[in-house]
């Protein structure tokens, strides 16, 4: 049986996450427009800095920070951010992002995965139109980015995801 197009791209995002260097959760993101991959990104420290897996410490985990909060403490650049950084905005306008996350310890898919509030803002400004987030090997959530604009959680101070 042939894999549908969305799961095909999510499979690629899942392969990209294998480069991630986070001790908690690793994500892979790809940006696609007109059936062409524009950019990829995974979780990792900025170029030239040591990765958490190399230092064997995660500040957020040490401090027991809940997921989706206090990312200023994190050493890493998120997968979505790296994918956006490596693409031209004109190529991203009207594109789709495919996102896959796995727990670094168990290898299980991240339950109720979503972009964090900072990544949502970057996705909005990049002009990305849809985000597909893997839930299981076959199931995914499709988000129209306009929903993040119309339902601005930052107004209510909602943290996490």
Protein backbone atom coordinates (compact mmCIF):
# COMPACT_ATOMS: atom_id res chain seq x y z
CA UNK A 1 0.00 0.00 0.00
CA UNK A 2 1.30 3.43 -0.94
CA UNK A 3 1.83 5.96 1.87
CA UNK A 4 -0.35 9.04 1.60
CA UNK A 5 1.45 12.34 0.91
CA UNK A 6 1.01 13.81 4.40
CA UNK A 7 2.43 10.73 6.14
CA UNK A 8 5.22 10.63 3.56
CA UNK A 9 6.34 14.12 4.64
CA UNK A 10 5.78 13.28 8.32
CA UNK A 11 8.03 10.22 7.82
CA UNK A 12 10.73 12.55 6.52
CA UNK A 13 10.25 14.88 9.51
CA UNK A 14 10.55 11.83 11.76
CA UNK A 15 13.87 10.93 10.14
CA UNK A 16 15.08 14.53 10.58
CA UNK A 17 14.35 14.40 14.34
CA UNK A 18 16.94 11.64 14.70
CA UNK A 19 19.60 14.37 14.47
CA UNK A 20 18.12 16.11 17.54
CA UNK A 21 20.32 16.62 20.59
CA UNK A 22 17.74 17.25 23.34
CA UNK A 23 17.65 15.01 26.40
CA UNK A 24 13.86 15.50 26.81
CA UNK A 25 12.15 15.62 23.42
CA UNK A 26 13.37 15.73 19.88
CA UNK A 27 11.42 17.18 17.00
CA UNK A 28 11.94 17.22 13.29
CA UNK A 29 10.31 19.80 11.04
CA UNK A 30 10.18 20.18 7.30
CA UNK A 31 8.67 22.94 5.23
CA UNK A 32 7.06 21.94 1.94
CA UNK A 33 5.63 24.05 -0.86
CA UNK A 34 4.24 22.74 -4.14
CA UNK A 35 5.48 19.22 -3.27
CA UNK A 36 9.04 20.44 -2.85
CA UNK A 37 10.92 20.36 0.44
CA UNK A 38 12.07 23.92 1.13
CA UNK A 39 13.86 23.37 4.43
CA UNK A 40 14.40 21.00 7.35
CA UNK A 41 15.18 21.54 11.01
CA UNK A 42 15.78 19.62 14.21
CA UNK A 43 16.33 20.49 17.87
CA UNK A 44 19.90 21.45 18.74
CA UNK A 45 22.15 24.02 20.36
CA UNK A 46 23.23 27.00 18.24
CA UNK A 47 26.14 26.29 15.93
CA UNK A 48 29.41 26.02 17.79
CA UNK A 49 27.82 25.57 21.23
CA UNK A 50 27.79 22.27 23.08
CA UNK A 51 24.63 20.21 22.81
CA UNK A 52 22.76 18.94 25.85
CA UNK A 53 23.53 15.32 24.94
CA UNK A 54 27.25 16.19 24.92
CA UNK A 55 27.01 17.88 28.34
CA UNK A 56 24.56 15.27 29.67
CA UNK A 57 22.44 17.94 31.35
CA UNK A 58 19.13 19.65 30.65
CA UNK A 59 18.58 22.77 32.73
CA UNK A 60 14.81 22.67 32.23
CA UNK A 61 14.67 19.04 33.33
CA UNK A 62 16.90 19.73 36.35
CA UNK A 63 14.52 22.53 37.35
CA UNK A 64 11.46 20.35 36.58
CA UNK A 65 10.03 22.94 34.20
CA UNK A 66 6.77 21.74 32.60
CA UNK A 67 6.73 21.25 28.86
CA UNK A 68 5.80 24.31 26.88
CA UNK A 69 7.20 26.73 29.48
CA UNK A 70 10.40 28.66 30.21
CA UNK A 71 12.14 28.06 26.89
CA UNK A 72 14.55 30.91 27.64
CA UNK A 73 16.31 28.35 29.88
CA UNK A 74 16.76 25.90 27.00
CA UNK A 75 20.08 25.68 25.15
CA UNK A 76 18.45 24.53 21.94
CA UNK A 77 16.93 26.11 18.88
CA UNK A 78 13.64 24.35 18.11
CA UNK A 79 13.11 22.29 14.97
CA UNK A 80 10.50 24.72 13.66
CA UNK A 81 12.84 27.67 14.25
CA UNK A 82 15.75 25.94 12.48
CA UNK A 83 13.57 25.07 9.49
CA UNK A 84 12.36 28.68 9.25
CA UNK A 85 15.87 30.11 9.69
CA UNK A 86 17.11 28.05 6.75
CA UNK A 87 14.39 29.09 4.29
CA UNK A 88 13.54 32.23 2.36
CA UNK A 89 10.27 33.86 3.42
CA UNK A 90 9.04 34.08 -0.16
CA UNK A 91 9.36 30.29 -0.37
CA UNK A 92 7.48 29.78 2.90
CA UNK A 93 4.43 31.92 2.05
CA UNK A 94 1.53 29.49 1.58
CA UNK A 95 3.66 26.47 2.51
CA UNK A 96 3.04 23.63 4.94
CA UNK A 97 5.15 22.51 7.89
CA UNK A 98 5.32 18.86 8.93
CA UNK A 99 6.28 18.28 12.55
CA UNK A 100 7.12 15.09 14.41
CA UNK A 101 8.22 14.82 18.04
CA UNK A 102 9.49 11.91 20.12
CA UNK A 103 10.37 11.55 23.78
CA UNK A 104 14.16 11.26 23.95
CA UNK A 105 14.09 8.57 26.66
CA UNK A 106 11.25 6.33 25.47
CA UNK A 107 11.22 6.97 21.73
CA UNK A 108 7.42 7.33 21.92
CA UNK A 109 5.63 10.03 19.97
CA UNK A 110 5.03 13.18 22.02
CA UNK A 111 1.41 13.12 23.16
CA UNK A 112 -0.63 16.18 22.19
CA UNK A 113 2.38 17.66 20.41
CA UNK A 114 2.19 21.24 19.22
CA UNK A 115 4.45 24.13 18.41
CA UNK A 116 5.35 26.22 21.46
CA UNK A 117 4.07 29.80 21.67
CA UNK A 118 7.33 31.27 20.30
CA UNK A 119 7.40 28.82 17.38
CA UNK A 120 3.74 29.59 16.65
CA UNK A 121 4.64 33.27 16.32
CA UNK A 122 7.53 32.45 14.00
CA UNK A 123 5.35 30.14 11.88
CA UNK A 124 2.72 32.88 11.58
CA UNK A 125 5.28 35.49 10.52
CA UNK A 126 6.97 33.11 8.09
CA UNK A 127 3.72 32.89 6.13
CA UNK A 128 3.29 29.14 6.62
CA UNK A 129 -0.33 28.20 5.97
CA UNK A 130 -0.74 24.73 7.51
CA UNK A 131 1.04 22.62 10.11
CA UNK A 132 0.68 18.83 10.20
CA UNK A 133 1.68 17.26 13.53
CA UNK A 134 2.23 13.51 13.88
CA UNK A 135 0.22 11.79 16.63
CA UNK A 136 0.89 8.15 15.68
CA UNK A 137 2.58 6.47 12.73
CA UNK A 138 -0.61 6.94 10.68
CA UNK A 139 -2.57 9.70 12.45
CA UNK A 140 -1.87 13.40 12.53
CA UNK A 141 -3.40 16.73 13.42
CA UNK A 142 -3.86 19.35 10.72
CA UNK A 143 -3.71 22.97 11.90
CA UNK A 144 -4.66 25.94 9.78
CA UNK A 145 -2.26 28.64 11.00
CA UNK A 146 -5.04 31.22 10.79
CA UNK A 147 -6.47 29.45 13.90
CA UNK A 148 -3.35 30.49 15.86
CA UNK A 149 -3.92 34.07 14.74
CA UNK A 150 -7.61 34.12 15.60
CA UNK A 151 -7.22 32.19 18.89
CA UNK A 152 -4.26 34.04 20.41
CA UNK A 153 -3.47 32.20 23.66
CA UNK A 154 -0.93 34.84 24.63
CA UNK A 155 -3.76 37.29 25.38
CA UNK A 156 -4.98 34.99 28.16
CA UNK A 157 -1.51 34.08 29.41
CA UNK A 158 -1.96 30.39 28.55
CA UNK A 159 1.28 28.50 29.13
CA UNK A 160 2.39 25.09 27.89
CA UNK A 161 0.52 22.97 25.40
